[in-house]
Amino acid sequence: MPPSSAQPANIPPQLSELHCFTETDGVITTTMFDIPGYKVTRVLGTVYGITVRSRNWAASLGMVLKSVAGGELRWFTNMLYSARNDAIGRVVNETKTRGGNAIICLRFESGDMGGFAQCCAYGTAAIVEKVDPTTDVPLQLAG
């Protein structure tokens, strides 16, 4: 594996407190159908984490004016990062409440709800155990 793919995603500095894929409190998360080197010993069911966010009217007005000039709307980008991280935090908490240590087939959906941004994380909570001692620790659990 090339060294660059072993690093977590680059998170903008203004979002440095948001590390949803590196701080999952011991829960392995993956969008794959399995976790290489692990076996699913018990499926705990579907778990969901949902959040809806809004910006204050001044921020929204500022973003409307910014959209005229073009470019990234950073306040909205930050809001969506926060929404995603809240959603994954909730899905991780639900998994832990059920006694799980992994979420497989993790997915995200987001959309607009009449001016509000919503984000939903969902997947299958499971209990997994490592069966291949040569398998590396998943990145979000490594130090």
C-alpha atoms as a PDB file:
ATOM      1  CA  MET A   1       0.000   0.000   0.000  1.00  0.00           C
ATOM      2  CA  PRO A   2       1.468   3.415  -0.911  1.00  0.00           C
ATOM      3  CA  PRO A   3       2.267   5.549   2.162  1.00  0.00           C
ATOM      4  CA  SER A   4      -0.141   8.315   1.130  1.00  0.00           C
ATOM      5  CA  SER A   5      -3.136   5.947   1.216  1.00  0.00           C
ATOM      6  CA  ALA A   6      -2.256   4.885   4.776  1.00  0.00           C
ATOM      7  CA  GLN A   7      -2.943   8.387   6.119  1.00  0.00           C
ATOM      8  CA  PRO A   8      -6.383   9.588   7.233  1.00  0.00           C
ATOM      9  CA  ALA A   9      -8.174  12.052   4.986  1.00  0.00           C
ATOM     10  CA  ASN A  10      -6.881  15.605   5.006  1.00  0.00           C
ATOM     11  CA  ILE A  11      -9.165  17.646   7.227  1.00  0.00           C
ATOM     12  CA  PRO A  12      -9.076  21.424   6.774  1.00  0.00           C
ATOM     13  CA  PRO A  13      -7.327  23.182   9.703  1.00  0.00           C
ATOM     14  CA  GLN A  14     -10.476  25.019  10.755  1.00  0.00           C
ATOM     15  CA  LEU A  15     -12.055  21.597  11.331  1.00  0.00           C
ATOM     16  CA  SER A  16      -9.160  20.161  13.330  1.00  0.00           C
ATOM     17  CA  GLU A  17     -11.448  19.179  16.220  1.00  0.00           C
ATOM     18  CA  LEU A  18     -13.457  16.940  13.899  1.00  0.00           C
ATOM     19  CA  HIS A  19     -11.849  13.533  13.475  1.00  0.00           C
ATOM     20  CA  CYS A  20     -14.780  11.192  12.936  1.00  0.00           C
ATOM     21  CA  PHE A  21     -12.803   8.555  11.049  1.00  0.00           C
ATOM     22  CA  THR A  22      -9.900   8.508  13.476  1.00  0.00           C
ATOM     23  CA  GLU A  23     -11.817   8.773  16.756  1.00  0.00           C
ATOM     24  CA  THR A  24     -14.558   6.165  16.812  1.00  0.00           C
ATOM     25  CA  ASP A  25     -13.946   5.131  20.413  1.00  0.00           C
ATOM     26  CA  GLY A  26     -12.695   1.666  19.483  1.00  0.00           C
ATOM     27  CA  VAL A  27     -15.437   0.891  16.948  1.00  0.00           C
ATOM     28  CA  ILE A  28     -14.140  -0.228  13.556  1.00  0.00           C
ATOM     29  CA  THR A  29     -16.011   1.478  10.708  1.00  0.00           C
ATOM     30  CA  THR A  30     -15.894   0.417   7.093  1.00  0.00           C
ATOM     31  CA  THR A  31     -17.894   0.955   3.941  1.00  0.00           C
ATOM     32  CA  MET A  32     -16.911  -2.542   2.787  1.00  0.00           C
ATOM     33  CA  PHE A  33     -19.002  -5.669   3.281  1.00  0.00           C
ATOM     34  CA  ASP A  34     -16.327  -7.219   5.460  1.00  0.00           C
ATOM     35  CA  ILE A  35     -13.177  -6.321   7.385  1.00  0.00           C
ATOM     36  CA  PRO A  36     -10.074  -8.081   6.062  1.00  0.00           C
ATOM     37  CA  GLY A  37      -8.476 -10.215   8.776  1.00  0.00           C
ATOM     38  CA  TYR A  38     -11.616 -10.176  10.930  1.00  0.00           C
ATOM     39  CA  LYS A  39     -14.685 -12.360  11.077  1.00  0.00           C
ATOM     40  CA  VAL A  40     -18.175 -11.279  11.999  1.00  0.00           C
ATOM     41  CA  THR A  41     -19.257 -13.323  14.993  1.00  0.00           C
ATOM     42  CA  ARG A  42     -22.604 -11.619  15.538  1.00  0.00           C
ATOM     43  CA  VAL A  43     -24.780  -9.178  13.600  1.00  0.00           C
ATOM     44  CA  LEU A  44     -26.580  -6.675  15.849  1.00  0.00           C
ATOM     45  CA  GLY A  45     -28.764  -5.029  13.220  1.00  0.00           C
ATOM     46  CA  THR A  46     -29.000  -1.757  11.382  1.00  0.00           C
ATOM     47  CA  VAL A  47     -27.898   1.372  13.211  1.00  0.00           C
ATOM     48  CA  TYR A  48     -28.631   4.982  12.293  1.00  0.00           C
ATOM     49  CA  GLY A  49     -27.284   8.387  13.216  1.00  0.00           C
ATOM     50  CA  ILE A  50     -29.203  11.418  11.959  1.00  0.00           C
ATOM     51  CA  THR A  51     -28.680  15.153  12.367  1.00  0.00           C
ATOM     52  CA  VAL A  52     -30.198  18.278  10.850  1.00  0.00           C
ATOM     53  CA  ARG A  53     -28.242  21.534  10.792  1.00  0.00           C
ATOM     54  CA  SER A  54     -28.936  25.134   9.929  1.00  0.00           C
ATOM     55  CA  ARG A  55     -26.846  28.271   9.665  1.00  0.00           C
ATOM     56  CA  ASN A  56     -27.872  31.545  11.212  1.00  0.00           C
ATOM     57  CA  TRP A  57     -29.469  34.045   8.861  1.00  0.00           C
ATOM     58  CA  ALA A  58     -26.345  36.240   8.703  1.00  0.00           C
ATOM     59  CA  ALA A  59     -24.155  33.310   7.648  1.00  0.00           C
ATOM     60  CA  SER A  60     -26.729  32.234   5.088  1.00  0.00           C
ATOM     61  CA  LEU A  61     -26.920  35.743   3.659  1.00  0.00           C
ATOM     62  CA  GLY A  62     -23.123  35.896   3.506  1.00  0.00           C
ATOM     63  CA  MET A  63     -23.044  32.602   1.621  1.00  0.00           C
ATOM     64  CA  VAL A  64     -25.661  33.824  -0.864  1.00  0.00           C
ATOM     65  CA  LEU A  65     -23.461  36.846  -1.588  1.00  0.00           C
ATOM     66  CA  LYS A  66     -20.355  34.604  -1.820  1.00  0.00           C
ATOM     67  CA  SER A  67     -22.143  32.305  -4.281  1.00  0.00           C
ATOM     68  CA  VAL A  68     -22.470  35.213  -6.717  1.00  0.00           C
ATOM     69  CA  ALA A  69     -18.673  35.403  -6.953  1.00  0.00           C
ATOM     70  CA  GLY A  70     -18.238  31.624  -7.026  1.00  0.00           C
ATOM     71  CA  GLY A  71     -15.856  29.402  -5.111  1.00  0.00           C
ATOM     72  CA  GLU A  72     -16.162  27.170  -2.092  1.00  0.00           C
ATOM     73  CA  LEU A  73     -18.752  28.132   0.491  1.00  0.00           C
ATOM     74  CA  ARG A  74     -16.586  27.276   3.502  1.00  0.00           C
ATOM     75  CA  TRP A  75     -19.217  27.959   6.163  1.00  0.00           C
ATOM     76  CA  PHE A  76     -21.487  25.418   4.501  1.00  0.00           C
ATOM     77  CA  THR A  77     -18.595  22.995   4.047  1.00  0.00           C
ATOM     78  CA  ASN A  78     -17.825  23.275   7.762  1.00  0.00           C
ATOM     79  CA  MET A  79     -21.497  22.743   8.582  1.00  0.00           C
ATOM     80  CA  LEU A  80     -21.582  19.574   6.493  1.00  0.00           C
ATOM     81  CA  TYR A  81     -18.393  18.242   8.122  1.00  0.00           C
ATOM     82  CA  SER A  82     -19.977  18.879  11.511  1.00  0.00           C
ATOM     83  CA  ALA A  83     -23.212  17.205  10.466  1.00  0.00           C
ATOM     84  CA  ARG A  84     -21.370  14.158   9.156  1.00  0.00           C
ATOM     85  CA  ASN A  85     -19.344  13.879  12.334  1.00  0.00           C
ATOM     86  CA  ASP A  86     -22.440  14.171  14.523  1.00  0.00           C
ATOM     87  CA  ALA A  87     -24.132  11.478  12.452  1.00  0.00           C
ATOM     88  CA  ILE A  88     -21.186   9.084  12.717  1.00  0.00           C
ATOM     89  CA  GLY A  89     -20.864   9.797  16.437  1.00  0.00           C
ATOM     90  CA  ARG A  90     -24.493   8.807  16.879  1.00  0.00           C
ATOM     91  CA  VAL A  91     -24.191   5.635  14.820  1.00  0.00           C
ATOM     92  CA  VAL A  92     -21.065   4.666  16.787  1.00  0.00           C
ATOM     93  CA  ASN A  93     -22.880   5.310  20.087  1.00  0.00           C
ATOM     94  CA  GLU A  94     -25.824   3.169  18.985  1.00  0.00           C
ATOM     95  CA  THR A  95     -23.423   0.389  18.010  1.00  0.00           C
ATOM     96  CA  LYS A  96     -21.681   0.550  21.391  1.00  0.00           C
ATOM     97  CA  THR A  97     -25.052   0.568  23.193  1.00  0.00           C
ATOM     98  CA  ARG A  98     -25.866  -2.723  21.463  1.00  0.00           C
ATOM     99  CA  GLY A  99     -22.480  -4.160  22.481  1.00  0.00           C
ATOM    100  CA  GLY A 100     -20.896  -3.957  19.026  1.00  0.00           C
ATOM    101  CA  ASN A 101     -17.321  -3.189  18.092  1.00  0.00           C
ATOM    102  CA  ALA A 102     -17.743  -2.636  14.339  1.00  0.00           C
ATOM    103  CA  ILE A 103     -20.002  -1.048  11.740  1.00  0.00           C
ATOM    104  CA  ILE A 104     -19.890  -2.666   8.323  1.00  0.00           C
ATOM    105  CA  CYS A 105     -21.448  -1.327   5.127  1.00  0.00           C
ATOM    106  CA  LEU A 106     -21.348   2.200   6.584  1.00  0.00           C
ATOM    107  CA  ARG A 107     -23.142   4.661   4.324  1.00  0.00           C
ATOM    108  CA  PHE A 108     -23.977   8.351   4.376  1.00  0.00           C
ATOM    109  CA  GLU A 109     -26.857  10.269   2.898  1.00  0.00           C
ATOM    110  CA  SER A 110     -27.218  13.996   2.957  1.00  0.00           C
ATOM    111  CA  GLY A 111     -29.645  16.452   1.536  1.00  0.00           C
ATOM    112  CA  ASP A 112     -31.480  19.719   1.806  1.00  0.00           C
ATOM    113  CA  MET A 113     -34.639  20.021   3.859  1.00  0.00           C
ATOM    114  CA  GLY A 114     -36.104  23.414   3.039  1.00  0.00           C
ATOM    115  CA  GLY A 115     -32.917  25.337   3.762  1.00  0.00           C
ATOM    116  CA  PHE A 116     -31.629  22.928   6.398  1.00  0.00           C
ATOM    117  CA  ALA A 117     -28.867  20.372   5.821  1.00  0.00           C
ATOM    118  CA  GLN A 118     -29.487  16.837   6.986  1.00  0.00           C
ATOM    119  CA  CYS A 119     -27.026  13.982   7.216  1.00  0.00           C
ATOM    120  CA  CYS A 120     -27.686  10.352   8.009  1.00  0.00           C
ATOM    121  CA  ALA A 121     -25.070   7.691   8.692  1.00  0.00           C
ATOM    122  CA  TYR A 122     -26.209   4.083   8.708  1.00  0.00           C
ATOM    123  CA  GLY A 123     -24.728   0.632   8.605  1.00  0.00           C
ATOM    124  CA  THR A 124     -24.767  -2.792  10.192  1.00  0.00           C
ATOM    125  CA  ALA A 125     -23.624  -3.045  13.798  1.00  0.00           C
ATOM    126  CA  ALA A 126     -21.629  -6.170  14.463  1.00  0.00           C
ATOM    127  CA  ILE A 127     -19.272  -7.913  16.807  1.00  0.00           C
ATOM    128  CA  VAL A 128     -16.068  -8.860  15.019  1.00  0.00           C
ATOM    129  CA  GLU A 129     -12.963 -10.692  16.097  1.00  0.00           C
ATOM    130  CA  LYS A 130      -9.519 -10.678  14.584  1.00  0.00           C
ATOM    131  CA  VAL A 131      -8.691 -14.006  12.934  1.00  0.00           C
ATOM    132  CA  ASP A 132      -5.487 -13.076  11.093  1.00  0.00           C
ATOM    133  CA  PRO A 133      -2.717 -11.888  13.452  1.00  0.00           C
ATOM    134  CA  THR A 134      -0.810 -10.360  10.524  1.00  0.00           C
ATOM    135  CA  THR A 135      -3.624  -7.928   9.734  1.00  0.00           C
ATOM    136  CA  ASP A 136      -2.830  -4.288  10.525  1.00  0.00           C
ATOM    137  CA  VAL A 137      -4.961  -2.461  13.061  1.00  0.00           C
ATOM    138  CA  PRO A 138      -7.611  -0.339  11.269  1.00  0.00           C
ATOM    139  CA  LEU A 139      -6.407   3.257  10.883  1.00  0.00           C
ATOM    140  CA  GLN A 140      -9.035   4.772  13.158  1.00  0.00           C
ATOM    141  CA  LEU A 141      -7.873   2.503  16.011  1.00  0.00           C
ATOM    142  CA  ALA A 142      -4.138   3.047  15.505  1.00  0.00           C
ATOM    143  CA  GLY A 143      -2.671   5.364  18.129  1.00  0.00           C
END
